[in-house]
Amino acid sequence: MSIELIIQNGSKLMMPAVEEGIVWETARKNVPGKLTFSVLKDEALSFEEGNPVSFKKDGKNIFYGFVFTKKSSKDGLINVTAYDQLRYLKNKDTYVYTNKTASEFIKMVAADFRLNTGTIEDTGFKIASRVEDNKELFDMFQNALDLTLDNTKKMYILYDNFGKLTLRALEKMKLDVLIDEETGENFDYTSSIDSNTYNKIKLSYENDKTGKREIYVAQDSNNQNRFGILQYFETIQESTNGKVKADVLLSLYNRKTRNLSIKKAFGNIYVRGGNMLVVKLDLDDIKIMNYMLVDSAKHSFNENEHFMDLKLIGGDFVA
């Protein structure tokens, strides 16, 4: 396993002596990619916060970001935390926009904050109007993508691809990677109806023109008999198709939530938060043999070992 970590300070490129134990972490949404590592102090090593960092394994791109934290210790090590471009989506601002798709809005904001963009797929659905007041850019983008999901059933993944902000449809994030009892050292599995399970969707719209309140309901009486009534309620705007949204929300949330964590699977550098991979496991109340979504991934590089810890959702495993 060949590891290459480069820090750039101005025009100077440095390949510091890196201690074993590089960790790369990504998540499906609202969290920047993170690289943590330790380097040995020496006279030739000079870098500071804001400097670019690139990390490759066997010549293949993994991480490109910027130094955010340096912590020196008595043993001559500097512990470094670097984040990719998504870290700048923690900036707060106010935006008012009309008749834009989520992808158009993301491109607009990215230009305002001088973020490098790569492939930004067309999300199609036009958001009639939206006010985002004093919110993180992360939250603004996620709101736009959630509205798109609610109205189209299509999920999109926003991530940083080695220095380029990227938006891709979920179905294009599939990998030819198998997780089973052989490739993972251990797993934790839970099922619940305690959160994000709804068998009745109730949407309310205050119609100013008629002076009446319009109610849209979608429900599953069979699951209500099994679990009791678990209701989701929301007040919607004029531009929202209440019936369509209620049906979409019921299809998304009318099920148990199941969470699956995989420990110390064999590492694959292409697996990151937002990817889909094949899982084959026999659990307590369900047999899995399908694609699942990586909610978060933690890669650990030690000596000649590369393992990853994964949190998985999808199918009956929902966020």
C-alpha atoms as a PDB file:
ATOM      1  CA  MET A   1       0.000   0.000   0.000  1.00  0.00           C
ATOM      2  CA  SER A   2       1.532   3.284  -1.153  1.00  0.00           C
ATOM      3  CA  ILE A   3       0.405   6.410   0.717  1.00  0.00           C
ATOM      4  CA  GLU A   4       1.035   9.953  -0.559  1.00  0.00           C
ATOM      5  CA  LEU A   5       0.164  12.958   1.608  1.00  0.00           C
ATOM      6  CA  ILE A   6       1.171  16.397   0.379  1.00  0.00           C
ATOM      7  CA  ILE A   7       0.810  19.768   2.139  1.00  0.00           C
ATOM      8  CA  GLN A   8       1.185  22.910   0.026  1.00  0.00           C
ATOM      9  CA  ASN A   9       2.356  26.176   1.607  1.00  0.00           C
ATOM     10  CA  GLY A  10       2.466  28.835  -1.089  1.00  0.00           C
ATOM     11  CA  SER A  11       4.556  27.423  -3.917  1.00  0.00           C
ATOM     12  CA  LYS A  12       6.236  24.873  -1.633  1.00  0.00           C
ATOM     13  CA  LEU A  13       5.056  21.252  -1.761  1.00  0.00           C
ATOM     14  CA  MET A  14       5.903  19.107   1.277  1.00  0.00           C
ATOM     15  CA  MET A  15       5.637  15.366   1.841  1.00  0.00           C
ATOM     16  CA  PRO A  16       6.024  15.183   5.632  1.00  0.00           C
ATOM     17  CA  ALA A  17       6.877  12.071   7.615  1.00  0.00           C
ATOM     18  CA  VAL A  18       3.397  10.823   8.526  1.00  0.00           C
ATOM     19  CA  GLU A  19       2.732   8.652  11.561  1.00  0.00           C
ATOM     20  CA  GLU A  20       0.639   5.523  11.085  1.00  0.00           C
ATOM     21  CA  GLY A  21      -3.064   6.013  11.621  1.00  0.00           C
ATOM     22  CA  ILE A  22      -4.491   8.290   8.912  1.00  0.00           C
ATOM     23  CA  VAL A  23      -8.287   8.554   9.188  1.00  0.00           C
ATOM     24  CA  TRP A  24     -10.647   9.757   6.447  1.00  0.00           C
ATOM     25  CA  GLU A  25     -14.325  10.324   7.281  1.00  0.00           C
ATOM     26  CA  THR A  26     -17.322  11.247   5.118  1.00  0.00           C
ATOM     27  CA  ALA A  27     -21.095  11.405   5.620  1.00  0.00           C
ATOM     28  CA  ARG A  28     -24.135  11.370   3.360  1.00  0.00           C
ATOM     29  CA  LYS A  29     -25.252  14.907   4.161  1.00  0.00           C
ATOM     30  CA  ASN A  30     -24.462  18.113   6.043  1.00  0.00           C
ATOM     31  CA  VAL A  31     -20.958  17.089   7.187  1.00  0.00           C
ATOM     32  CA  PRO A  32     -17.668  17.972   5.471  1.00  0.00           C
ATOM     33  CA  GLY A  33     -15.154  15.294   4.579  1.00  0.00           C
ATOM     34  CA  LYS A  34     -12.468  15.094   7.253  1.00  0.00           C
ATOM     35  CA  LEU A  35      -8.851  13.894   7.223  1.00  0.00           C
ATOM     36  CA  THR A  36      -6.891  13.503  10.478  1.00  0.00           C
ATOM     37  CA  PHE A  37      -3.217  12.601  10.634  1.00  0.00           C
ATOM     38  CA  SER A  38      -0.020  13.241  12.581  1.00  0.00           C
ATOM     39  CA  VAL A  39       3.308  14.435  11.150  1.00  0.00           C
ATOM     40  CA  LEU A  40       6.781  14.632  12.652  1.00  0.00           C
ATOM     41  CA  LYS A  41       8.182  18.102  13.290  1.00  0.00           C
ATOM     42  CA  ASP A  42      11.372  18.998  11.473  1.00  0.00           C
ATOM     43  CA  GLU A  43      13.115  22.191  10.366  1.00  0.00           C
ATOM     44  CA  ALA A  44      12.024  21.825   6.762  1.00  0.00           C
ATOM     45  CA  LEU A  45       8.338  21.419   7.626  1.00  0.00           C
ATOM     46  CA  SER A  46       6.464  24.725   7.653  1.00  0.00           C
ATOM     47  CA  PHE A  47       2.727  24.927   7.096  1.00  0.00           C
ATOM     48  CA  GLU A  48      -0.278  26.753   8.509  1.00  0.00           C
ATOM     49  CA  GLU A  49      -4.043  26.771   8.702  1.00  0.00           C
ATOM     50  CA  GLY A  50      -5.660  27.168   5.295  1.00  0.00           C
ATOM     51  CA  ASN A  51      -2.925  25.294   3.425  1.00  0.00           C
ATOM     52  CA  PRO A  52      -4.148  22.706   0.893  1.00  0.00           C
ATOM     53  CA  VAL A  53      -3.733  18.998   1.701  1.00  0.00           C
ATOM     54  CA  SER A  54      -4.010  16.125  -0.763  1.00  0.00           C
ATOM     55  CA  PHE A  55      -4.105  12.435   0.105  1.00  0.00           C
ATOM     56  CA  LYS A  56      -3.737   9.531  -2.301  1.00  0.00           C
ATOM     57  CA  LYS A  57      -3.425   5.770  -1.988  1.00  0.00           C
ATOM     58  CA  ASP A  58      -1.632   3.781  -4.681  1.00  0.00           C
ATOM     59  CA  GLY A  59      -1.773   6.855  -6.907  1.00  0.00           C
ATOM     60  CA  LYS A  60      -5.568   7.206  -6.650  1.00  0.00           C
ATOM     61  CA  ASN A  61      -7.234  10.385  -5.401  1.00  0.00           C
ATOM     62  CA  ILE A  62      -8.947  10.190  -2.018  1.00  0.00           C
ATOM     63  CA  PHE A  63      -9.043  13.589  -0.302  1.00  0.00           C
ATOM     64  CA  TYR A  64      -8.341  17.210  -1.168  1.00  0.00           C
ATOM     65  CA  GLY A  65      -8.961  19.847   1.481  1.00  0.00           C
ATOM     66  CA  PHE A  66      -7.446  22.420   3.779  1.00  0.00           C
ATOM     67  CA  VAL A  67      -5.712  22.470   7.163  1.00  0.00           C
ATOM     68  CA  PHE A  68      -8.101  23.761   9.827  1.00  0.00           C
ATOM     69  CA  THR A  69      -6.443  22.676  13.083  1.00  0.00           C
ATOM     70  CA  LYS A  70      -2.853  22.009  14.210  1.00  0.00           C
ATOM     71  CA  LYS A  71      -2.068  20.596  17.639  1.00  0.00           C
ATOM     72  CA  SER A  72       1.551  20.167  18.720  1.00  0.00           C
ATOM     73  CA  SER A  73       2.656  17.777  21.438  1.00  0.00           C
ATOM     74  CA  LYS A  74       5.803  17.192  23.497  1.00  0.00           C
ATOM     75  CA  ASP A  75       6.668  14.044  21.572  1.00  0.00           C
ATOM     76  CA  GLY A  76       7.465  16.030  18.443  1.00  0.00           C
ATOM     77  CA  LEU A  77       4.218  15.320  16.617  1.00  0.00           C
ATOM     78  CA  ILE A  78       1.787  17.746  15.017  1.00  0.00           C
ATOM     79  CA  ASN A  79      -1.778  16.437  14.949  1.00  0.00           C
ATOM     80  CA  VAL A  80      -3.616  17.868  11.943  1.00  0.00           C
ATOM     81  CA  THR A  81      -7.311  18.098  11.078  1.00  0.00           C
ATOM     82  CA  ALA A  82      -8.179  18.986   7.493  1.00  0.00           C
ATOM     83  CA  TYR A  83     -11.604  19.378   5.902  1.00  0.00           C
ATOM     84  CA  ASP A  84     -12.709  19.343   2.283  1.00  0.00           C
ATOM     85  CA  GLN A  85     -14.594  22.183   0.583  1.00  0.00           C
ATOM     86  CA  LEU A  86     -17.862  21.266   2.272  1.00  0.00           C
ATOM     87  CA  ARG A  87     -16.503  22.839   5.464  1.00  0.00           C
ATOM     88  CA  TYR A  88     -17.291  26.242   3.935  1.00  0.00           C
ATOM     89  CA  LEU A  89     -20.961  25.281   3.739  1.00  0.00           C
ATOM     90  CA  LYS A  90     -21.066  25.921   7.485  1.00  0.00           C
ATOM     91  CA  ASN A  91     -21.049  29.639   6.628  1.00  0.00           C
ATOM     92  CA  LYS A  92     -24.328  31.396   7.416  1.00  0.00           C
ATOM     93  CA  ASP A  93     -26.184  33.800   5.138  1.00  0.00           C
ATOM     94  CA  THR A  94     -29.627  34.824   3.949  1.00  0.00           C
ATOM     95  CA  TYR A  95     -30.978  34.003   0.494  1.00  0.00           C
ATOM     96  CA  VAL A  96     -34.326  34.646  -1.171  1.00  0.00           C
ATOM     97  CA  TYR A  97     -34.860  32.837  -4.465  1.00  0.00           C
ATOM     98  CA  THR A  98     -37.693  32.017  -6.851  1.00  0.00           C
ATOM     99  CA  ASN A  99     -38.286  29.460  -9.592  1.00  0.00           C
ATOM    100  CA  LYS A 100     -34.953  27.685  -9.246  1.00  0.00           C
ATOM    101  CA  THR A 101     -34.042  24.028  -9.104  1.00  0.00           C
ATOM    102  CA  ALA A 102     -31.883  22.802  -6.238  1.00  0.00           C
ATOM    103  CA  SER A 103     -28.978  22.424  -8.663  1.00  0.00           C
ATOM    104  CA  GLU A 104     -29.380  26.007  -9.921  1.00  0.00           C
ATOM    105  CA  PHE A 105     -29.457  27.303  -6.351  1.00  0.00           C
ATOM    106  CA  ILE A 106     -26.353  25.299  -5.410  1.00  0.00           C
ATOM    107  CA  LYS A 107     -24.442  26.651  -8.415  1.00  0.00           C
ATOM    108  CA  MET A 108     -25.448  30.217  -7.552  1.00  0.00           C
ATOM    109  CA  VAL A 109     -24.330  29.985  -3.929  1.00  0.00           C
ATOM    110  CA  ALA A 110     -21.135  28.121  -4.843  1.00  0.00           C
ATOM    111  CA  ALA A 111     -20.193  30.989  -7.163  1.00  0.00           C
ATOM    112  CA  ASP A 112     -20.864  33.546  -4.419  1.00  0.00           C
ATOM    113  CA  PHE A 113     -18.509  31.716  -2.036  1.00  0.00           C
ATOM    114  CA  ARG A 114     -15.865  30.908  -4.683  1.00  0.00           C
ATOM    115  CA  LEU A 115     -16.258  27.156  -4.346  1.00  0.00           C
ATOM    116  CA  ASN A 116     -14.931  24.925  -7.127  1.00  0.00           C
ATOM    117  CA  THR A 117     -17.692  22.890  -8.760  1.00  0.00           C
ATOM    118  CA  GLY A 118     -17.571  19.700 -10.778  1.00  0.00           C
ATOM    119  CA  THR A 119     -20.599  17.724 -11.977  1.00  0.00           C
ATOM    120  CA  ILE A 120     -23.828  19.324 -10.723  1.00  0.00           C
ATOM    121  CA  GLU A 121     -26.704  17.249 -12.106  1.00  0.00           C
ATOM    122  CA  ASP A 122     -29.986  18.873 -13.049  1.00  0.00           C
ATOM    123  CA  THR A 123     -32.520  18.134 -10.303  1.00  0.00           C
ATOM    124  CA  GLY A 124     -35.407  19.154 -12.570  1.00  0.00           C
ATOM    125  CA  PHE A 125     -37.966  20.241  -9.952  1.00  0.00           C
ATOM    126  CA  LYS A 126     -38.471  24.026  -9.796  1.00  0.00           C
ATOM    127  CA  ILE A 127     -38.870  25.479  -6.290  1.00  0.00           C
ATOM    128  CA  ALA A 128     -41.398  28.288  -6.723  1.00  0.00           C
ATOM    129  CA  SER A 129     -40.121  30.490  -3.904  1.00  0.00           C
ATOM    130  CA  ARG A 130     -37.975  30.102  -0.832  1.00  0.00           C
ATOM    131  CA  VAL A 131     -36.659  32.321   1.964  1.00  0.00           C
ATOM    132  CA  GLU A 132     -33.579  31.077   3.816  1.00  0.00           C
ATOM    133  CA  ASP A 133     -32.876  33.498   6.644  1.00  0.00           C
ATOM    134  CA  ASN A 134     -29.687  33.345   8.712  1.00  0.00           C
ATOM    135  CA  LYS A 135     -29.032  29.671   7.995  1.00  0.00           C
ATOM    136  CA  GLU A 136     -25.991  27.569   7.216  1.00  0.00           C
ATOM    137  CA  LEU A 137     -25.449  26.933   3.519  1.00  0.00           C
ATOM    138  CA  PHE A 138     -25.584  23.238   4.393  1.00  0.00           C
ATOM    139  CA  ASP A 139     -29.160  23.645   5.647  1.00  0.00           C
ATOM    140  CA  MET A 140     -30.190  25.751   2.643  1.00  0.00           C
ATOM    141  CA  PHE A 141     -28.914  23.129   0.205  1.00  0.00           C
ATOM    142  CA  GLN A 142     -30.495  20.285   2.165  1.00  0.00           C
ATOM    143  CA  ASN A 143     -33.855  22.083   2.275  1.00  0.00           C
ATOM    144  CA  ALA A 144     -33.779  22.429  -1.513  1.00  0.00           C
ATOM    145  CA  LEU A 145     -32.827  18.760  -1.942  1.00  0.00           C
ATOM    146  CA  ASP A 146     -35.505  17.657   0.554  1.00  0.00           C
ATOM    147  CA  LEU A 147     -38.159  19.604  -1.343  1.00  0.00           C
ATOM    148  CA  THR A 148     -36.975  17.888  -4.509  1.00  0.00           C
ATOM    149  CA  LEU A 149     -37.188  14.479  -2.811  1.00  0.00           C
ATOM    150  CA  ASP A 150     -40.667  15.197  -1.425  1.00  0.00           C
ATOM    151  CA  ASN A 151     -41.995  16.108  -4.856  1.00  0.00           C
ATOM    152  CA  THR A 152     -40.125  13.713  -7.130  1.00  0.00           C
ATOM    153  CA  LYS A 153     -39.007  10.747  -4.950  1.00  0.00           C
ATOM    154  CA  LYS A 154     -35.499  11.386  -6.292  1.00  0.00           C
ATOM    155  CA  MET A 155     -32.619  11.720  -3.869  1.00  0.00           C
ATOM    156  CA  TYR A 156     -29.403  13.552  -4.713  1.00  0.00           C
ATOM    157  CA  ILE A 157     -26.036  13.339  -2.975  1.00  0.00           C
ATOM    158  CA  LEU A 158     -23.856  16.423  -2.485  1.00  0.00           C
ATOM    159  CA  TYR A 159     -20.176  15.760  -1.833  1.00  0.00           C
ATOM    160  CA  ASP A 160     -16.658  16.972  -2.549  1.00  0.00           C
ATOM    161  CA  ASN A 161     -14.866  14.966  -5.229  1.00  0.00           C
ATOM    162  CA  PHE A 162     -11.170  15.693  -4.648  1.00  0.00           C
ATOM    163  CA  GLY A 163     -11.658  19.453  -4.595  1.00  0.00           C
ATOM    164  CA  LYS A 164     -14.804  19.807  -6.697  1.00  0.00           C
ATOM    165  CA  LEU A 165     -18.322  20.274  -5.342  1.00  0.00           C
ATOM    166  CA  THR A 166     -20.399  17.498  -6.901  1.00  0.00           C
ATOM    167  CA  LEU A 167     -24.126  16.669  -7.011  1.00  0.00           C
ATOM    168  CA  ARG A 168     -25.262  13.304  -8.357  1.00  0.00           C
ATOM    169  CA  ALA A 169     -28.500  11.335  -8.382  1.00  0.00           C
ATOM    170  CA  LEU A 170     -28.524   8.492  -5.877  1.00  0.00           C
ATOM    171  CA  GLU A 171     -28.974   5.815  -8.552  1.00  0.00           C
ATOM    172  CA  LYS A 172     -25.633   6.866 -10.053  1.00  0.00           C
ATOM    173  CA  MET A 173     -23.793   6.334  -6.757  1.00  0.00           C
ATOM    174  CA  LYS A 174     -23.840   2.511  -6.897  1.00  0.00           C
ATOM    175  CA  LEU A 175     -20.586   0.607  -6.407  1.00  0.00           C
ATOM    176  CA  ASP A 176     -19.690  -2.970  -7.235  1.00  0.00           C
ATOM    177  CA  VAL A 177     -18.781  -3.670  -3.588  1.00  0.00           C
ATOM    178  CA  LEU A 178     -20.155  -6.502  -1.424  1.00  0.00           C
ATOM    179  CA  ILE A 179     -20.493  -6.412   2.366  1.00  0.00           C
ATOM    180  CA  ASP A 180     -21.197  -9.796   3.966  1.00  0.00           C
ATOM    181  CA  GLU A 181     -20.140 -11.821   6.997  1.00  0.00           C
ATOM    182  CA  GLU A 182     -16.750 -12.473   5.392  1.00  0.00           C
ATOM    183  CA  THR A 183     -15.842  -8.872   4.535  1.00  0.00           C
ATOM    184  CA  GLY A 184     -16.956  -7.271   7.823  1.00  0.00           C
ATOM    185  CA  GLU A 185     -15.504  -8.177  11.222  1.00  0.00           C
ATOM    186  CA  ASN A 186     -18.674  -7.284  13.141  1.00  0.00           C
ATOM    187  CA  PHE A 187     -22.010  -5.494  12.833  1.00  0.00           C
ATOM    188  CA  ASP A 188     -24.660  -3.816  15.004  1.00  0.00           C
ATOM    189  CA  TYR A 189     -28.322  -3.890  13.976  1.00  0.00           C
ATOM    190  CA  THR A 190     -31.382  -2.171  15.478  1.00  0.00           C
ATOM    191  CA  SER A 191     -35.003  -1.834  14.360  1.00  0.00           C
ATOM    192  CA  SER A 192     -37.491   0.698  15.713  1.00  0.00           C
ATOM    193  CA  ILE A 193     -40.734   2.615  15.166  1.00  0.00           C
ATOM    194  CA  ASP A 194     -39.670   5.302  17.652  1.00  0.00           C
ATOM    195  CA  SER A 195     -38.428   7.880  15.141  1.00  0.00           C
ATOM    196  CA  ASN A 196     -39.001   8.620  11.461  1.00  0.00           C
ATOM    197  CA  THR A 197     -41.794   6.053  11.208  1.00  0.00           C
ATOM    198  CA  TYR A 198     -45.164   7.510  10.125  1.00  0.00           C
ATOM    199  CA  ASN A 199     -48.264   5.650   8.946  1.00  0.00           C
ATOM    200  CA  LYS A 200     -50.422   8.760   8.661  1.00  0.00           C
ATOM    201  CA  ILE A 201     -49.387  11.905   6.806  1.00  0.00           C
ATOM    202  CA  LYS A 202     -51.461  15.039   7.378  1.00  0.00           C
ATOM    203  CA  LEU A 203     -50.708  18.235   5.463  1.00  0.00           C
ATOM    204  CA  SER A 204     -52.531  21.528   6.041  1.00  0.00           C
ATOM    205  CA  TYR A 205     -52.852  24.498   3.668  1.00  0.00           C
ATOM    206  CA  GLU A 206     -54.430  27.827   4.643  1.00  0.00           C
ATOM    207  CA  ASN A 207     -56.200  28.988   1.472  1.00  0.00           C
ATOM    208  CA  ASP A 208     -56.362  32.783   1.744  1.00  0.00           C
ATOM    209  CA  LYS A 209     -58.514  33.053  -1.376  1.00  0.00           C
ATOM    210  CA  THR A 210     -61.333  30.872  -0.024  1.00  0.00           C
ATOM    211  CA  GLY A 211     -60.673  31.488   3.654  1.00  0.00           C
ATOM    212  CA  LYS A 212     -60.705  27.733   4.232  1.00  0.00           C
ATOM    213  CA  ARG A 213     -58.154  25.250   5.491  1.00  0.00           C
ATOM    214  CA  GLU A 214     -57.439  22.421   3.069  1.00  0.00           C
ATOM    215  CA  ILE A 215     -56.284  19.082   4.501  1.00  0.00           C
ATOM    216  CA  TYR A 216     -54.439  16.350   2.614  1.00  0.00           C
ATOM    217  CA  VAL A 217     -54.144  12.910   4.208  1.00  0.00           C
ATOM    218  CA  ALA A 218     -52.349   9.726   3.193  1.00  0.00           C
ATOM    219  CA  GLN A 219     -52.439   6.750   5.566  1.00  0.00           C
ATOM    220  CA  ASP A 220     -51.998   2.991   5.923  1.00  0.00           C
ATOM    221  CA  SER A 221     -54.695   1.434   8.126  1.00  0.00           C
ATOM    222  CA  ASN A 222     -52.897  -1.925   8.268  1.00  0.00           C
ATOM    223  CA  ASN A 223     -49.785  -0.429   9.797  1.00  0.00           C
ATOM    224  CA  GLN A 224     -51.930   1.720  12.081  1.00  0.00           C
ATOM    225  CA  ASN A 225     -53.435  -1.500  13.453  1.00  0.00           C
ATOM    226  CA  ARG A 226     -49.919  -2.927  13.946  1.00  0.00           C
ATOM    227  CA  PHE A 227     -48.173   0.100  15.461  1.00  0.00           C
ATOM    228  CA  GLY A 228     -50.943   2.531  16.438  1.00  0.00           C
ATOM    229  CA  ILE A 229     -51.318   5.871  14.662  1.00  0.00           C
ATOM    230  CA  LEU A 230     -47.960   7.532  14.077  1.00  0.00           C
ATOM    231  CA  GLN A 231     -48.746  10.899  12.476  1.00  0.00           C
ATOM    232  CA  TYR A 232     -46.595  13.348  10.565  1.00  0.00           C
ATOM    233  CA  PHE A 233     -48.072  16.876  10.336  1.00  0.00           C
ATOM    234  CA  GLU A 234     -46.877  19.839   8.302  1.00  0.00           C
ATOM    235  CA  THR A 235     -48.253  23.172   7.124  1.00  0.00           C
ATOM    236  CA  ILE A 236     -47.552  23.568   3.415  1.00  0.00           C
ATOM    237  CA  GLN A 237     -47.363  26.532   1.030  1.00  0.00           C
ATOM    238  CA  GLU A 238     -49.573  27.366  -1.940  1.00  0.00           C
ATOM    239  CA  SER A 239     -47.018  26.100  -4.453  1.00  0.00           C
ATOM    240  CA  THR A 240     -46.973  22.581  -2.957  1.00  0.00           C
ATOM    241  CA  ASN A 241     -49.078  19.781  -4.430  1.00  0.00           C
ATOM    242  CA  GLY A 242     -50.557  18.509  -1.161  1.00  0.00           C
ATOM    243  CA  LYS A 243     -51.819  15.146  -2.406  1.00  0.00           C
ATOM    244  CA  VAL A 244     -48.572  14.259  -4.177  1.00  0.00           C
ATOM    245  CA  LYS A 245     -46.442  15.280  -1.220  1.00  0.00           C
ATOM    246  CA  ALA A 246     -48.599  13.304   1.261  1.00  0.00           C
ATOM    247  CA  ASP A 247     -48.347  10.168  -0.881  1.00  0.00           C
ATOM    248  CA  VAL A 248     -44.570  10.565  -1.298  1.00  0.00           C
ATOM    249  CA  LEU A 249     -44.013  11.068   2.432  1.00  0.00           C
ATOM    250  CA  LEU A 250     -46.120   8.008   3.268  1.00  0.00           C
ATOM    251  CA  SER A 251     -44.114   5.883   0.835  1.00  0.00           C
ATOM    252  CA  LEU A 252     -40.872   7.085   2.443  1.00  0.00           C
ATOM    253  CA  TYR A 253     -41.766   6.774   6.122  1.00  0.00           C
ATOM    254  CA  ASN A 254     -44.464   4.080   6.422  1.00  0.00           C
ATOM    255  CA  ARG A 255     -42.070   1.412   7.706  1.00  0.00           C
ATOM    256  CA  LYS A 256     -39.826   0.491  10.587  1.00  0.00           C
ATOM    257  CA  THR A 257     -36.534   2.301  10.786  1.00  0.00           C
ATOM    258  CA  ARG A 258     -33.607  -0.068  10.743  1.00  0.00           C
ATOM    259  CA  ASN A 259     -29.998   0.877  11.366  1.00  0.00           C
ATOM    260  CA  LEU A 260     -26.993  -1.227  10.437  1.00  0.00           C
ATOM    261  CA  SER A 261     -23.364  -0.525  11.347  1.00  0.00           C
ATOM    262  CA  ILE A 262     -20.473  -2.523   9.899  1.00  0.00           C
ATOM    263  CA  LYS A 263     -17.173  -2.700  11.788  1.00  0.00           C
ATOM    264  CA  LYS A 264     -13.736  -3.161  10.196  1.00  0.00           C
ATOM    265  CA  ALA A 265     -14.792  -4.103   6.697  1.00  0.00           C
ATOM    266  CA  PHE A 266     -12.015  -4.471   4.153  1.00  0.00           C
ATOM    267  CA  GLY A 267     -11.225  -0.959   2.956  1.00  0.00           C
ATOM    268  CA  ASN A 268     -12.205   0.351  -0.459  1.00  0.00           C
ATOM    269  CA  ILE A 269     -11.233   3.953  -1.279  1.00  0.00           C
ATOM    270  CA  TYR A 270     -14.299   4.439  -3.486  1.00  0.00           C
ATOM    271  CA  VAL A 271     -16.724   3.924  -0.589  1.00  0.00           C
ATOM    272  CA  ARG A 272     -17.875   7.206   0.942  1.00  0.00           C
ATOM    273  CA  GLY A 273     -20.973   8.706   2.495  1.00  0.00           C
ATOM    274  CA  GLY A 274     -23.669   8.731  -0.195  1.00  0.00           C
ATOM    275  CA  ASN A 275     -22.525   5.671  -2.121  1.00  0.00           C
ATOM    276  CA  MET A 276     -24.642   2.540  -2.502  1.00  0.00           C
ATOM    277  CA  LEU A 277     -23.184  -0.949  -2.134  1.00  0.00           C
ATOM    278  CA  VAL A 278     -24.482  -4.510  -1.988  1.00  0.00           C
ATOM    279  CA  VAL A 279     -25.119  -5.992   1.466  1.00  0.00           C
ATOM    280  CA  LYS A 280     -25.761  -9.688   2.075  1.00  0.00           C
ATOM    281  CA  LEU A 281     -26.528 -10.474   5.727  1.00  0.00           C
ATOM    282  CA  ASP A 282     -28.970 -12.646   7.690  1.00  0.00           C
ATOM    283  CA  LEU A 283     -30.244 -10.495  10.584  1.00  0.00           C
ATOM    284  CA  ASP A 284     -32.750 -11.124  13.383  1.00  0.00           C
ATOM    285  CA  ASP A 285     -35.944 -10.312  11.495  1.00  0.00           C
ATOM    286  CA  ILE A 286     -34.793  -9.686   7.957  1.00  0.00           C
ATOM    287  CA  LYS A 287     -32.477 -11.099   5.319  1.00  0.00           C
ATOM    288  CA  ILE A 288     -30.654  -8.465   3.313  1.00  0.00           C
ATOM    289  CA  MET A 289     -29.526  -9.027  -0.247  1.00  0.00           C
ATOM    290  CA  ASN A 290     -29.749  -5.648  -1.927  1.00  0.00           C
ATOM    291  CA  TYR A 291     -28.140  -2.243  -2.294  1.00  0.00           C
ATOM    292  CA  MET A 292     -27.855  -0.099   0.806  1.00  0.00           C
ATOM    293  CA  LEU A 293     -26.892   3.545   1.209  1.00  0.00           C
ATOM    294  CA  VAL A 294     -23.745   4.517   3.083  1.00  0.00           C
ATOM    295  CA  ASP A 295     -24.854   7.089   5.664  1.00  0.00           C
ATOM    296  CA  SER A 296     -21.290   7.565   6.924  1.00  0.00           C
ATOM    297  CA  ALA A 297     -17.904   5.992   6.315  1.00  0.00           C
ATOM    298  CA  LYS A 298     -14.739   6.034   8.391  1.00  0.00           C
ATOM    299  CA  HIS A 299     -11.563   4.758   6.725  1.00  0.00           C
ATOM    300  CA  SER A 300      -8.483   3.894   8.788  1.00  0.00           C
ATOM    301  CA  PHE A 301      -5.074   3.468   7.151  1.00  0.00           C
ATOM    302  CA  ASN A 302      -2.515   1.690   9.367  1.00  0.00           C
ATOM    303  CA  GLU A 303       0.773   0.179   8.149  1.00  0.00           C
ATOM    304  CA  ASN A 304      -0.372  -2.065   5.278  1.00  0.00           C
ATOM    305  CA  GLU A 305      -3.959  -2.298   6.545  1.00  0.00           C
ATOM    306  CA  HIS A 306      -6.999  -0.388   5.364  1.00  0.00           C
ATOM    307  CA  PHE A 307     -10.326  -0.936   7.137  1.00  0.00           C
ATOM    308  CA  MET A 308     -13.607   0.960   7.109  1.00  0.00           C
ATOM    309  CA  ASP A 309     -16.497   1.364   9.538  1.00  0.00           C
ATOM    310  CA  LEU A 310     -19.845   2.002   7.833  1.00  0.00           C
ATOM    311  CA  LYS A 311     -23.312   3.124   8.876  1.00  0.00           C
ATOM    312  CA  LEU A 312     -25.844   1.887   6.333  1.00  0.00           C
ATOM    313  CA  ILE A 313     -29.442   2.756   5.478  1.00  0.00           C
ATOM    314  CA  GLY A 314     -31.760   2.069   2.560  1.00  0.00           C
ATOM    315  CA  GLY A 315     -34.733  -0.077   1.627  1.00  0.00           C
ATOM    316  CA  ASP A 316     -36.228  -0.691   5.047  1.00  0.00           C
ATOM    317  CA  PHE A 317     -33.204   1.094   6.491  1.00  0.00           C
ATOM    318  CA  VAL A 318     -34.196   4.753   6.410  1.00  0.00           C
ATOM    319  CA  ALA A 319     -32.537   7.940   7.605  1.00  0.00           C
END
